Amino acid sequence: MRVGAAEGVAREVSYKATAMFTGLVEGLGTVAAVVPEAAGLRLEIRLPEPMRHERCHVGDSVAINGCCLTIVAINRDVWSFQAGEETLSKTNLGQLLSGDRVNLERSLPVTGRLGGHFVQGHVDGVGTVDDIMRDGDWVTMTFRIPQALAELMVPKGSVAVDGVSLTLVTVERDKFSVALIPHTLSVTTLGARQVGDAVNIETDILGKYVRKFVSVH
């Protein structure tokens, strides 16, 4: 597949293995532009200062709010991505506006440390913030989700919300809660979320395989 890189330089982007992530956000990017295209959107994301010095290339994988996308162009401190109809239908990326903040995480290198849990960047669906309960600097946040996603969750298990690796506190028929420490609130988009906001949900891959195994035996 041939794509246009920055300043008119074209590169070949070859097929590569599926990327993996940890759910540990590296920085908060800012949406510089949202450009409609024939089959979706082109997202231009301005990098936070710490990530501007990292070596990345056209074709690299990056999780944006937990959704794995490919860099299609680099122009100084702005990375561009394309999101198709399938991605827009399963995530909150289609709701982004210029100036919005997004969670960014580059794919996990083979020699990297797994500090969160295995996150594929394949969003299962969109949930909504149902309740925010504050206790000092801590927050317990509850999300309402489709029942099919709740069936893949267990208390003390893992979930990725907008790409952030979190531990489940409670799980009910159509919602779950997580406890957010001050650090998580300050370095991710979760600190700015309000009741009613849409968030990307990716359940733990282990739960998907267990349900598949049980359903066929």
N, C-alpha and C. Protein backbone atom coordinates (compact mmCIF):
# COMPACT_ATOMS: atom_id res chain seq x y z
N MET A 1 0.86 -1.18 0.00
CA MET A 1 0.00 0.00 0.00
C MET A 1 0.89 1.22 0.00
N ARG A 2 0.60 2.20 -0.86
CA ARG A 2 1.42 3.38 -0.99
C ARG A 2 0.70 4.57 -0.38
N VAL A 3 1.38 5.30 0.49
CA VAL A 3 0.78 6.45 1.13
C VAL A 3 1.70 7.65 1.00
N GLY A 4 1.12 8.85 1.10
CA GLY A 4 1.93 10.06 1.01
C GLY A 4 2.49 10.43 2.36
N ALA A 5 3.78 10.65 2.42
CA ALA A 5 4.42 11.08 3.66
C ALA A 5 4.55 12.59 3.66
N ALA A 6 5.17 13.13 4.72
CA ALA A 6 5.29 14.57 4.85
C ALA A 6 6.11 15.16 3.71
N GLU A 7 5.78 16.39 3.31
CA GLU A 7 6.50 17.16 2.31
C GLU A 7 6.59 16.43 0.99
N GLY A 8 5.53 15.70 0.64
CA GLY A 8 5.42 15.09 -0.67
C GLY A 8 6.26 13.85 -0.88
N VAL A 9 6.91 13.35 0.15
CA VAL A 9 7.73 12.15 0.00
C VAL A 9 6.86 10.93 0.23
N ALA A 10 6.82 10.02 -0.72
CA ALA A 10 6.01 8.81 -0.61
C ALA A 10 6.87 7.65 -0.15
N ARG A 11 6.27 6.78 0.66
CA ARG A 11 6.97 5.60 1.14
C ARG A 11 6.09 4.39 0.97
N GLU A 12 6.71 3.24 0.92
CA GLU A 12 5.97 1.99 0.88
C GLU A 12 5.75 1.52 2.30
N VAL A 13 4.50 1.23 2.66
CA VAL A 13 4.18 0.69 3.98
C VAL A 13 3.91 -0.79 3.81
N SER A 14 4.78 -1.62 4.35
CA SER A 14 4.64 -3.06 4.17
C SER A 14 3.79 -3.66 5.27
N TYR A 15 3.25 -4.85 5.00
CA TYR A 15 2.44 -5.56 5.99
C TYR A 15 3.31 -5.92 7.18
N LYS A 16 2.78 -5.78 8.37
CA LYS A 16 3.52 -6.17 9.56
C LYS A 16 2.59 -6.89 10.52
N ALA A 17 3.18 -7.58 11.47
CA ALA A 17 2.39 -8.35 12.43
C ALA A 17 1.53 -7.42 13.28
N THR A 18 0.48 -7.99 13.86
CA THR A 18 -0.42 -7.21 14.70
C THR A 18 0.33 -6.59 15.87
N ALA A 19 0.11 -5.29 16.08
CA ALA A 19 0.77 -4.59 17.17
C ALA A 19 0.12 -4.95 18.50
N MET A 20 0.89 -4.81 19.57
CA MET A 20 0.37 -4.99 20.92
C MET A 20 0.70 -3.75 21.73
N PHE A 21 -0.13 -3.50 22.75
CA PHE A 21 0.06 -2.35 23.62
C PHE A 21 -0.06 -2.81 25.07
N THR A 22 0.24 -1.91 26.00
CA THR A 22 0.19 -2.26 27.41
C THR A 22 -0.92 -1.53 28.16
N GLY A 23 -1.49 -0.49 27.54
CA GLY A 23 -2.49 0.30 28.24
C GLY A 23 -1.89 1.35 29.16
N LEU A 24 -0.59 1.59 29.03
CA LEU A 24 0.08 2.64 29.79
C LEU A 24 0.30 3.83 28.85
N VAL A 25 -0.48 4.86 29.04
CA VAL A 25 -0.47 6.01 28.14
C VAL A 25 0.86 6.75 28.22
N GLU A 26 1.44 7.06 27.04
CA GLU A 26 2.72 7.76 27.01
C GLU A 26 2.56 9.27 27.05
N GLY A 27 1.43 9.76 26.58
CA GLY A 27 1.24 11.20 26.57
C GLY A 27 -0.13 11.58 26.03
N LEU A 28 -0.50 12.83 26.26
CA LEU A 28 -1.76 13.37 25.76
C LEU A 28 -1.50 14.19 24.51
N GLY A 29 -2.02 13.71 23.38
CA GLY A 29 -1.91 14.46 22.14
C GLY A 29 -3.09 15.41 21.98
N THR A 30 -2.99 16.31 21.03
CA THR A 30 -4.06 17.26 20.74
C THR A 30 -4.47 17.13 19.29
N VAL A 31 -5.77 17.03 19.05
CA VAL A 31 -6.26 16.92 17.68
C VAL A 31 -6.00 18.25 16.97
N ALA A 32 -5.15 18.23 15.95
CA ALA A 32 -4.83 19.43 15.18
C ALA A 32 -5.83 19.65 14.06
N ALA A 33 -6.37 18.56 13.50
CA ALA A 33 -7.35 18.67 12.41
C ALA A 33 -8.07 17.35 12.24
N VAL A 34 -9.33 17.44 11.83
CA VAL A 34 -10.13 16.28 11.46
C VAL A 34 -10.60 16.52 10.03
N VAL A 35 -10.12 15.69 9.11
CA VAL A 35 -10.37 15.93 7.68
C VAL A 35 -11.23 14.80 7.12
N PRO A 36 -12.46 15.08 6.70
CA PRO A 36 -13.30 14.03 6.10
C PRO A 36 -12.67 13.50 4.81
N GLU A 37 -12.75 12.19 4.64
CA GLU A 37 -12.28 11.55 3.42
C GLU A 37 -13.39 10.67 2.86
N ALA A 38 -13.19 10.18 1.66
CA ALA A 38 -14.25 9.41 0.99
C ALA A 38 -14.70 8.22 1.83
N ALA A 39 -13.77 7.55 2.49
CA ALA A 39 -14.11 6.33 3.23
C ALA A 39 -13.87 6.47 4.72
N GLY A 40 -13.83 7.68 5.25
CA GLY A 40 -13.61 7.83 6.67
C GLY A 40 -13.09 9.21 7.02
N LEU A 41 -12.10 9.23 7.95
CA LEU A 41 -11.53 10.48 8.41
C LEU A 41 -10.02 10.39 8.43
N ARG A 42 -9.40 11.53 8.24
CA ARG A 42 -7.96 11.67 8.45
C ARG A 42 -7.79 12.49 9.73
N LEU A 43 -7.10 11.92 10.70
CA LEU A 43 -6.86 12.58 11.98
C LEU A 43 -5.42 13.06 12.05
N GLU A 44 -5.25 14.34 12.34
CA GLU A 44 -3.92 14.90 12.51
C GLU A 44 -3.74 15.22 14.00
N ILE A 45 -2.75 14.57 14.61
CA ILE A 45 -2.56 14.66 16.06
C ILE A 45 -1.23 15.34 16.37
N ARG A 46 -1.30 16.43 17.14
CA ARG A 46 -0.08 17.11 17.56
C ARG A 46 0.45 16.43 18.82
N LEU A 47 1.73 16.11 18.81
CA LEU A 47 2.32 15.34 19.89
C LEU A 47 2.62 16.21 21.11
N PRO A 48 2.57 15.61 22.30
CA PRO A 48 3.03 16.31 23.50
C PRO A 48 4.56 16.41 23.45
N GLU A 49 5.11 17.34 24.17
CA GLU A 49 6.55 17.60 24.12
C GLU A 49 7.41 16.35 24.35
N PRO A 50 7.13 15.50 25.35
CA PRO A 50 8.01 14.34 25.58
C PRO A 50 8.07 13.37 24.41
N MET A 51 7.02 13.31 23.59
CA MET A 51 6.99 12.35 22.49
C MET A 51 7.55 12.91 21.19
N ARG A 52 7.84 14.20 21.15
CA ARG A 52 8.32 14.82 19.91
C ARG A 52 9.74 14.41 19.55
N HIS A 53 10.44 13.84 20.52
CA HIS A 53 11.83 13.45 20.29
C HIS A 53 11.98 11.95 20.06
N GLU A 54 10.85 11.23 20.03
CA GLU A 54 10.88 9.78 19.80
C GLU A 54 10.97 9.50 18.30
N ARG A 55 11.74 8.49 17.94
CA ARG A 55 11.87 8.13 16.53
C ARG A 55 10.70 7.24 16.11
N CYS A 56 9.86 7.74 15.24
CA CYS A 56 8.76 6.98 14.68
C CYS A 56 8.75 7.18 13.18
N HIS A 57 8.12 6.26 12.48
CA HIS A 57 8.13 6.29 11.03
C HIS A 57 6.73 6.07 10.48
N VAL A 58 6.54 6.48 9.24
CA VAL A 58 5.30 6.15 8.54
C VAL A 58 5.15 4.63 8.53
N GLY A 59 3.97 4.13 8.89
CA GLY A 59 3.73 2.69 8.97
C GLY A 59 3.75 2.15 10.38
N ASP A 60 4.26 2.94 11.35
CA ASP A 60 4.25 2.49 12.75
C ASP A 60 2.83 2.52 13.31
N SER A 61 2.60 1.68 14.31
CA SER A 61 1.29 1.60 14.95
C SER A 61 1.26 2.43 16.23
N VAL A 62 0.15 3.14 16.42
CA VAL A 62 -0.05 3.96 17.61
C VAL A 62 -1.49 3.78 18.07
N ALA A 63 -1.69 3.64 19.37
CA ALA A 63 -3.05 3.56 19.92
C ALA A 63 -3.51 4.98 20.25
N ILE A 64 -4.63 5.38 19.65
CA ILE A 64 -5.25 6.67 19.93
C ILE A 64 -6.54 6.40 20.66
N ASN A 65 -6.61 6.82 21.92
CA ASN A 65 -7.75 6.46 22.78
C ASN A 65 -8.01 4.96 22.74
N GLY A 66 -6.92 4.20 22.68
CA GLY A 66 -7.03 2.75 22.71
C GLY A 66 -7.29 2.08 21.39
N CYS A 67 -7.39 2.85 20.31
CA CYS A 67 -7.66 2.28 18.98
C CYS A 67 -6.37 2.27 18.17
N CYS A 68 -5.96 1.10 17.72
CA CYS A 68 -4.72 0.96 16.97
C CYS A 68 -4.88 1.54 15.56
N LEU A 69 -4.06 2.55 15.24
CA LEU A 69 -4.06 3.16 13.92
C LEU A 69 -2.62 3.24 13.41
N THR A 70 -2.48 3.41 12.10
CA THR A 70 -1.17 3.46 11.46
C THR A 70 -0.80 4.89 11.10
N ILE A 71 0.42 5.28 11.40
CA ILE A 71 0.90 6.59 10.98
C ILE A 71 1.00 6.61 9.46
N VAL A 72 0.32 7.55 8.81
CA VAL A 72 0.38 7.64 7.34
C VAL A 72 1.19 8.84 6.88
N ALA A 73 1.48 9.77 7.77
CA ALA A 73 2.33 10.91 7.43
C ALA A 73 2.87 11.53 8.71
N ILE A 74 4.08 12.09 8.61
CA ILE A 74 4.71 12.77 9.72
C ILE A 74 5.17 14.14 9.25
N ASN A 75 4.75 15.17 9.93
CA ASN A 75 5.15 16.54 9.60
C ASN A 75 5.57 17.22 10.90
N ARG A 76 6.86 17.13 11.19
CA ARG A 76 7.42 17.68 12.43
C ARG A 76 6.72 17.07 13.64
N ASP A 77 5.95 17.84 14.39
CA ASP A 77 5.34 17.31 15.62
C ASP A 77 3.89 16.89 15.42
N VAL A 78 3.48 16.68 14.18
CA VAL A 78 2.12 16.23 13.89
C VAL A 78 2.17 14.90 13.15
N TRP A 79 1.46 13.91 13.71
CA TRP A 79 1.32 12.61 13.05
C TRP A 79 -0.09 12.52 12.47
N SER A 80 -0.20 11.94 11.28
CA SER A 80 -1.50 11.79 10.63
C SER A 80 -1.90 10.32 10.56
N PHE A 81 -3.20 10.07 10.73
CA PHE A 81 -3.76 8.73 10.73
C PHE A 81 -5.04 8.72 9.90
N GLN A 82 -5.43 7.56 9.40
CA GLN A 82 -6.70 7.41 8.70
C GLN A 82 -7.57 6.40 9.45
N ALA A 83 -8.83 6.77 9.67
CA ALA A 83 -9.79 5.90 10.34
C ALA A 83 -10.94 5.63 9.39
N GLY A 84 -11.18 4.35 9.08
CA GLY A 84 -12.24 3.97 8.15
C GLY A 84 -13.59 3.82 8.82
N GLU A 85 -14.59 3.45 8.03
CA GLU A 85 -15.96 3.36 8.52
C GLU A 85 -16.11 2.36 9.65
N GLU A 86 -15.44 1.21 9.56
CA GLU A 86 -15.54 0.20 10.62
C GLU A 86 -14.99 0.75 11.93
N THR A 87 -13.85 1.40 11.87
CA THR A 87 -13.25 1.98 13.07
C THR A 87 -14.16 3.05 13.67
N LEU A 88 -14.71 3.90 12.83
CA LEU A 88 -15.56 4.99 13.31
C LEU A 88 -16.86 4.46 13.93
N SER A 89 -17.34 3.31 13.44
CA SER A 89 -18.59 2.76 13.96
C SER A 89 -18.41 2.08 15.32
N LYS A 90 -17.17 1.69 15.66
CA LYS A 90 -16.92 0.94 16.90
C LYS A 90 -16.20 1.76 17.97
N THR A 91 -15.84 3.01 17.65
CA THR A 91 -15.05 3.81 18.59
C THR A 91 -15.62 5.22 18.73
N ASN A 92 -14.99 6.01 19.59
CA ASN A 92 -15.41 7.41 19.75
C ASN A 92 -14.58 8.37 18.90
N LEU A 93 -13.75 7.83 17.99
CA LEU A 93 -12.87 8.69 17.19
C LEU A 93 -13.66 9.61 16.26
N GLY A 94 -14.82 9.17 15.82
CA GLY A 94 -15.63 10.00 14.93
C GLY A 94 -16.21 11.22 15.62
N GLN A 95 -16.15 11.26 16.96
CA GLN A 95 -16.67 12.40 17.71
C GLN A 95 -15.60 13.45 18.02
N LEU A 96 -14.35 13.16 17.63
CA LEU A 96 -13.26 14.07 17.95
C LEU A 96 -13.38 15.38 17.18
N LEU A 97 -12.99 16.45 17.84
CA LEU A 97 -12.97 17.77 17.23
C LEU A 97 -11.59 18.39 17.41
N SER A 98 -11.26 19.36 16.58
CA SER A 98 -9.99 20.05 16.71
C SER A 98 -9.86 20.64 18.11
N GLY A 99 -8.72 20.37 18.74
CA GLY A 99 -8.47 20.84 20.10
C GLY A 99 -8.70 19.81 21.17
N ASP A 100 -9.40 18.71 20.84
CA ASP A 100 -9.63 17.64 21.82
C ASP A 100 -8.31 16.97 22.18
N ARG A 101 -8.23 16.45 23.41
CA ARG A 101 -7.07 15.69 23.85
C ARG A 101 -7.32 14.21 23.66
N VAL A 102 -6.27 13.47 23.33
CA VAL A 102 -6.37 12.03 23.12
C VAL A 102 -5.20 11.32 23.79
N ASN A 103 -5.45 10.09 24.26
CA ASN A 103 -4.40 9.27 24.84
C ASN A 103 -3.57 8.65 23.72
N LEU A 104 -2.25 8.69 23.88
CA LEU A 104 -1.34 8.13 22.87
C LEU A 104 -0.44 7.06 23.49
N GLU A 105 -0.29 5.96 22.77
CA GLU A 105 0.68 4.93 23.18
C GLU A 105 1.22 4.26 21.93
N ARG A 106 2.54 4.25 21.80
CA ARG A 106 3.16 3.52 20.70
C ARG A 106 3.12 2.03 20.99
N SER A 107 3.21 1.22 19.93
CA SER A 107 3.14 -0.23 20.12
C SER A 107 4.33 -0.72 20.95
N LEU A 108 4.11 -1.83 21.63
CA LEU A 108 5.10 -2.40 22.55
C LEU A 108 6.24 -3.06 21.77
N PRO A 109 7.50 -2.63 22.00
CA PRO A 109 8.62 -3.31 21.36
C PRO A 109 8.85 -4.67 22.00
N VAL A 110 9.51 -5.56 21.28
CA VAL A 110 9.75 -6.91 21.78
C VAL A 110 10.50 -6.89 23.10
N THR A 111 11.38 -5.90 23.28
CA THR A 111 12.19 -5.83 24.49
C THR A 111 11.54 -4.94 25.56
N GLY A 112 10.31 -4.49 25.31
CA GLY A 112 9.65 -3.57 26.25
C GLY A 112 9.13 -4.28 27.49
N ARG A 113 8.82 -3.48 28.52
CA ARG A 113 8.29 -4.01 29.76
C ARG A 113 6.77 -3.93 29.72
N LEU A 114 6.11 -5.01 30.12
CA LEU A 114 4.65 -5.05 30.15
C LEU A 114 4.18 -4.60 31.52
N GLY A 115 3.85 -3.30 31.64
CA GLY A 115 3.46 -2.77 32.94
C GLY A 115 1.97 -2.81 33.17
N GLY A 116 1.15 -2.89 32.09
CA GLY A 116 -0.29 -2.92 32.25
C GLY A 116 -0.80 -4.33 31.98
N HIS A 117 -1.53 -4.53 30.87
CA HIS A 117 -1.90 -5.87 30.43
C HIS A 117 -1.88 -5.87 28.91
N PHE A 118 -2.02 -7.04 28.29
CA PHE A 118 -1.97 -7.12 26.84
C PHE A 118 -3.20 -6.44 26.25
N VAL A 119 -2.98 -5.35 25.52
CA VAL A 119 -4.04 -4.60 24.86
C VAL A 119 -3.77 -4.65 23.36
N GLN A 120 -4.76 -5.06 22.58
CA GLN A 120 -4.57 -5.20 21.14
C GLN A 120 -4.81 -3.91 20.37
N GLY A 121 -5.55 -3.00 20.97
CA GLY A 121 -5.93 -1.80 20.22
C GLY A 121 -7.12 -2.06 19.32
N HIS A 122 -7.81 -3.18 19.55
CA HIS A 122 -9.02 -3.53 18.79
C HIS A 122 -10.22 -3.25 19.70
N VAL A 123 -10.79 -2.08 19.56
CA VAL A 123 -11.87 -1.65 20.43
C VAL A 123 -13.12 -2.52 20.21
N ASP A 124 -13.71 -3.00 21.32
CA ASP A 124 -14.89 -3.86 21.22
C ASP A 124 -16.18 -3.06 21.10
N GLY A 125 -16.19 -1.86 21.63
CA GLY A 125 -17.41 -1.06 21.58
C GLY A 125 -17.25 0.22 22.38
N VAL A 126 -18.30 1.01 22.39
CA VAL A 126 -18.28 2.29 23.10
C VAL A 126 -19.16 2.21 24.34
N GLY A 127 -18.64 2.70 25.46
CA GLY A 127 -19.41 2.83 26.69
C GLY A 127 -19.60 4.29 27.01
N THR A 128 -20.34 4.58 28.06
CA THR A 128 -20.55 5.97 28.49
C THR A 128 -20.27 6.10 29.97
N VAL A 129 -19.74 7.24 30.36
CA VAL A 129 -19.51 7.51 31.78
C VAL A 129 -20.87 7.64 32.47
N ASP A 130 -21.11 6.77 33.47
CA ASP A 130 -22.41 6.73 34.13
C ASP A 130 -22.40 7.45 35.48
N ASP A 131 -21.24 7.44 36.15
CA ASP A 131 -21.17 8.07 37.48
C ASP A 131 -19.72 8.37 37.81
N ILE A 132 -19.50 9.49 38.50
CA ILE A 132 -18.17 9.87 38.96
C ILE A 132 -18.27 10.19 40.45
N MET A 133 -17.61 9.38 41.27
CA MET A 133 -17.65 9.56 42.72
C MET A 133 -16.25 9.93 43.20
N ARG A 134 -16.11 11.10 43.80
CA ARG A 134 -14.81 11.60 44.23
C ARG A 134 -14.60 11.35 45.72
N ASP A 135 -13.38 10.95 46.05
CA ASP A 135 -12.97 10.75 47.44
C ASP A 135 -11.58 11.35 47.58
N GLY A 136 -11.54 12.64 47.91
CA GLY A 136 -10.26 13.34 47.91
C GLY A 136 -9.73 13.45 46.50
N ASP A 137 -8.48 13.02 46.29
CA ASP A 137 -7.87 13.06 44.96
C ASP A 137 -8.19 11.83 44.12
N TRP A 138 -8.84 10.85 44.73
CA TRP A 138 -9.18 9.62 44.03
C TRP A 138 -10.57 9.75 43.42
N VAL A 139 -10.82 8.93 42.38
CA VAL A 139 -12.12 8.91 41.74
C VAL A 139 -12.53 7.47 41.46
N THR A 140 -13.76 7.14 41.79
CA THR A 140 -14.35 5.88 41.34
C THR A 140 -15.29 6.23 40.19
N MET A 141 -15.00 5.69 39.02
CA MET A 141 -15.77 6.01 37.83
C MET A 141 -16.52 4.77 37.35
N THR A 142 -17.80 4.95 37.07
CA THR A 142 -18.64 3.85 36.58
C THR A 142 -19.00 4.10 35.13
N PHE A 143 -18.94 3.03 34.34
CA PHE A 143 -19.23 3.11 32.92
C PHE A 143 -20.39 2.17 32.57
N ARG A 144 -21.32 2.64 31.77
CA ARG A 144 -22.40 1.80 31.28
C ARG A 144 -21.99 1.25 29.91
N ILE A 145 -22.18 -0.04 29.72
CA ILE A 145 -21.72 -0.72 28.50
C ILE A 145 -22.75 -1.73 28.02
N PRO A 146 -22.62 -2.20 26.77
CA PRO A 146 -23.49 -3.28 26.31
C PRO A 146 -23.30 -4.53 27.18
N GLN A 147 -24.38 -5.26 27.40
CA GLN A 147 -24.30 -6.44 28.26
C GLN A 147 -23.30 -7.47 27.73
N ALA A 148 -23.17 -7.56 26.41
CA ALA A 148 -22.24 -8.53 25.82
C ALA A 148 -20.80 -8.27 26.25
N LEU A 149 -20.45 -7.02 26.49
CA LEU A 149 -19.10 -6.71 26.94
C LEU A 149 -18.94 -7.01 28.43
N ALA A 150 -19.98 -6.73 29.21
CA ALA A 150 -19.92 -7.01 30.65
C ALA A 150 -19.72 -8.49 30.91
N GLU A 151 -20.24 -9.33 30.04
CA GLU A 151 -20.11 -10.78 30.22
C GLU A 151 -18.66 -11.25 30.10
N LEU A 152 -17.79 -10.40 29.55
CA LEU A 152 -16.38 -10.76 29.39
C LEU A 152 -15.52 -10.21 30.53
N MET A 153 -16.15 -9.60 31.52
CA MET A 153 -15.41 -8.96 32.61
C MET A 153 -15.62 -9.67 33.93
N VAL A 154 -14.61 -9.59 34.79
CA VAL A 154 -14.71 -10.13 36.15
C VAL A 154 -14.05 -9.14 37.10
N PRO A 155 -14.56 -9.02 38.34
CA PRO A 155 -13.91 -8.14 39.31
C PRO A 155 -12.44 -8.51 39.48
N LYS A 156 -11.59 -7.52 39.57
CA LYS A 156 -10.14 -7.65 39.68
C LYS A 156 -9.49 -8.06 38.37
N GLY A 157 -10.28 -8.17 37.30
CA GLY A 157 -9.72 -8.42 35.98
C GLY A 157 -9.27 -7.11 35.35
N SER A 158 -8.89 -7.17 34.09
CA SER A 158 -8.38 -5.99 33.40
C SER A 158 -9.33 -5.52 32.30
N VAL A 159 -9.30 -4.21 32.04
CA VAL A 159 -10.06 -3.61 30.95
C VAL A 159 -9.29 -2.39 30.46
N ALA A 160 -9.42 -2.06 29.19
CA ALA A 160 -8.83 -0.84 28.66
C ALA A 160 -9.95 0.15 28.35
N VAL A 161 -9.88 1.33 28.97
CA VAL A 161 -10.86 2.40 28.74
C VAL A 161 -10.13 3.55 28.07
N ASP A 162 -10.52 3.86 26.84
CA ASP A 162 -9.79 4.86 26.05
C ASP A 162 -8.30 4.54 26.01
N GLY A 163 -8.00 3.25 26.00
CA GLY A 163 -6.61 2.81 25.91
C GLY A 163 -5.86 2.77 27.22
N VAL A 164 -6.53 3.06 28.34
CA VAL A 164 -5.87 3.06 29.65
C VAL A 164 -6.12 1.71 30.33
N SER A 165 -5.06 1.02 30.71
CA SER A 165 -5.18 -0.26 31.40
C SER A 165 -5.66 -0.03 32.83
N LEU A 166 -6.80 -0.63 33.17
CA LEU A 166 -7.40 -0.44 34.49
C LEU A 166 -7.82 -1.77 35.09
N THR A 167 -7.93 -1.80 36.41
CA THR A 167 -8.41 -2.98 37.13
C THR A 167 -9.88 -2.79 37.47
N LEU A 168 -10.69 -3.77 37.13
CA LEU A 168 -12.12 -3.72 37.42
C LEU A 168 -12.38 -3.86 38.92
N VAL A 169 -13.23 -2.99 39.44
CA VAL A 169 -13.62 -3.08 40.85
C VAL A 169 -14.93 -3.85 40.97
N THR A 170 -15.97 -3.37 40.32
CA THR A 170 -17.25 -4.08 40.32
C THR A 170 -17.69 -4.31 38.88
N VAL A 171 -18.43 -5.39 38.66
CA VAL A 171 -18.99 -5.69 37.35
C VAL A 171 -20.46 -6.08 37.53
N GLU A 172 -21.34 -5.38 36.83
CA GLU A 172 -22.76 -5.68 36.87
C GLU A 172 -23.23 -6.05 35.47
N ARG A 173 -24.55 -6.22 35.32
CA ARG A 173 -25.11 -6.72 34.05
C ARG A 173 -24.74 -5.82 32.87
N ASP A 174 -24.76 -4.50 33.06
CA ASP A 174 -24.48 -3.60 31.95
C ASP A 174 -23.60 -2.42 32.36
N LYS A 175 -22.79 -2.61 33.40
CA LYS A 175 -21.87 -1.55 33.79
C LYS A 175 -20.75 -2.10 34.65
N PHE A 176 -19.70 -1.30 34.80
CA PHE A 176 -18.57 -1.68 35.66
C PHE A 176 -17.96 -0.41 36.24
N SER A 177 -17.17 -0.59 37.28
CA SER A 177 -16.51 0.55 37.90
C SER A 177 -15.01 0.29 38.03
N VAL A 178 -14.25 1.39 38.10
CA VAL A 178 -12.81 1.33 38.29
C VAL A 178 -12.42 2.43 39.27
N ALA A 179 -11.31 2.22 39.98
CA ALA A 179 -10.77 3.23 40.88
C ALA A 179 -9.59 3.90 40.19
N LEU A 180 -9.63 5.23 40.10
CA LEU A 180 -8.60 5.98 39.39
C LEU A 180 -7.75 6.77 40.37
N ILE A 181 -6.44 6.52 40.33
CA ILE A 181 -5.53 7.23 41.21
C ILE A 181 -5.23 8.61 40.62
N PRO A 182 -4.74 9.55 41.43
CA PRO A 182 -4.46 10.89 40.93
C PRO A 182 -3.55 10.93 39.71
N HIS A 183 -2.54 10.05 39.67
CA HIS A 183 -1.62 10.04 38.52
C HIS A 183 -2.36 9.74 37.22
N THR A 184 -3.21 8.73 37.24
CA THR A 184 -3.97 8.37 36.04
C THR A 184 -4.87 9.53 35.61
N LEU A 185 -5.48 10.19 36.56
CA LEU A 185 -6.37 11.31 36.24
C LEU A 185 -5.60 12.47 35.63
N SER A 186 -4.34 12.63 36.01
CA SER A 186 -3.58 13.79 35.54
C SER A 186 -2.90 13.57 34.21
N VAL A 187 -2.64 12.31 33.82
CA VAL A 187 -1.86 12.07 32.60
C VAL A 187 -2.68 11.43 31.49
N THR A 188 -3.97 11.22 31.70
CA THR A 188 -4.83 10.65 30.65
C THR A 188 -6.09 11.49 30.50
N THR A 189 -6.87 11.17 29.49
CA THR A 189 -8.13 11.89 29.25
C THR A 189 -9.18 11.60 30.30
N LEU A 190 -8.99 10.55 31.10
CA LEU A 190 -10.00 10.18 32.08
C LEU A 190 -10.21 11.28 33.13
N GLY A 191 -9.18 12.07 33.39
CA GLY A 191 -9.32 13.14 34.35
C GLY A 191 -10.27 14.24 33.92
N ALA A 192 -10.55 14.31 32.61
CA ALA A 192 -11.45 15.35 32.08
C ALA A 192 -12.81 14.80 31.69
N ARG A 193 -13.01 13.52 31.85
CA ARG A 193 -14.28 12.92 31.44
C ARG A 193 -15.42 13.37 32.36
N GLN A 194 -16.59 13.53 31.75
CA GLN A 194 -17.79 13.92 32.46
C GLN A 194 -18.88 12.86 32.24
N VAL A 195 -19.89 12.85 33.10
CA VAL A 195 -21.01 11.91 32.93
C VAL A 195 -21.63 12.11 31.55
N GLY A 196 -21.82 11.00 30.85
CA GLY A 196 -22.39 11.04 29.51
C GLY A 196 -21.37 10.97 28.41
N ASP A 197 -20.09 11.16 28.72
CA ASP A 197 -19.05 11.09 27.69
C ASP A 197 -18.90 9.67 27.17
N ALA A 198 -18.59 9.55 25.89
CA ALA A 198 -18.36 8.25 25.26
C ALA A 198 -16.90 7.85 25.40
N VAL A 199 -16.66 6.58 25.71
CA VAL A 199 -15.30 6.06 25.86
C VAL A 199 -15.16 4.74 25.10
N ASN A 200 -13.95 4.48 24.63
CA ASN A 200 -13.66 3.22 23.94
C ASN A 200 -13.39 2.12 24.96
N ILE A 201 -13.97 0.96 24.74
CA ILE A 201 -13.81 -0.18 25.65
C ILE A 201 -13.18 -1.35 24.91
N GLU A 202 -12.10 -1.88 25.47
CA GLU A 202 -11.54 -3.15 24.98
C GLU A 202 -11.43 -4.10 26.15
N THR A 203 -12.15 -5.22 26.07
CA THR A 203 -12.11 -6.20 27.14
C THR A 203 -10.84 -7.03 27.04
N ASP A 204 -10.51 -7.72 28.12
CA ASP A 204 -9.31 -8.55 28.17
C ASP A 204 -9.42 -9.69 27.17
N ILE A 205 -8.39 -9.88 26.37
CA ILE A 205 -8.40 -10.92 25.34
C ILE A 205 -8.59 -12.31 25.94
N LEU A 206 -8.16 -12.52 27.18
CA LEU A 206 -8.31 -13.83 27.82
C LEU A 206 -9.79 -14.18 27.97
N GLY A 207 -10.62 -13.21 28.33
CA GLY A 207 -12.05 -13.46 28.48
C GLY A 207 -12.70 -13.87 27.17
N LYS A 208 -12.22 -13.29 26.06
CA LYS A 208 -12.80 -13.63 24.76
C LYS A 208 -12.51 -15.08 24.39
N TYR A 209 -11.27 -15.52 24.66
CA TYR A 209 -10.92 -16.90 24.33
C TYR A 209 -11.63 -17.89 25.23
N VAL A 210 -11.77 -17.55 26.51
CA VAL A 210 -12.48 -18.44 27.43
C VAL A 210 -13.94 -18.60 26.99
N ARG A 211 -14.61 -17.49 26.65
CA ARG A 211 -16.00 -17.59 26.23
C ARG A 211 -16.13 -18.40 24.95
N LYS A 212 -15.18 -18.23 24.02
CA LYS A 212 -15.22 -19.00 22.79
C LYS A 212 -15.05 -20.48 23.08
N PHE A 213 -14.13 -20.82 23.96
CA PHE A 213 -13.86 -22.22 24.30
C PHE A 213 -15.10 -22.85 24.95
N VAL A 214 -15.71 -22.13 25.89
CA VAL A 214 -16.87 -22.65 26.59
C VAL A 214 -18.06 -22.84 25.63
N SER A 215 -18.22 -21.92 24.68
CA SER A 215 -19.36 -21.97 23.77
C SER A 215 -19.31 -23.14 22.80
N VAL A 216 -18.09 -23.67 22.54
CA VAL A 216 -17.97 -24.76 21.56
C VAL A 216 -17.76 -26.11 22.22
N HIS A 217 -17.78 -26.15 23.55
CA HIS A 217 -17.58 -27.43 24.25
C HIS A 217 -18.76 -27.71 25.19
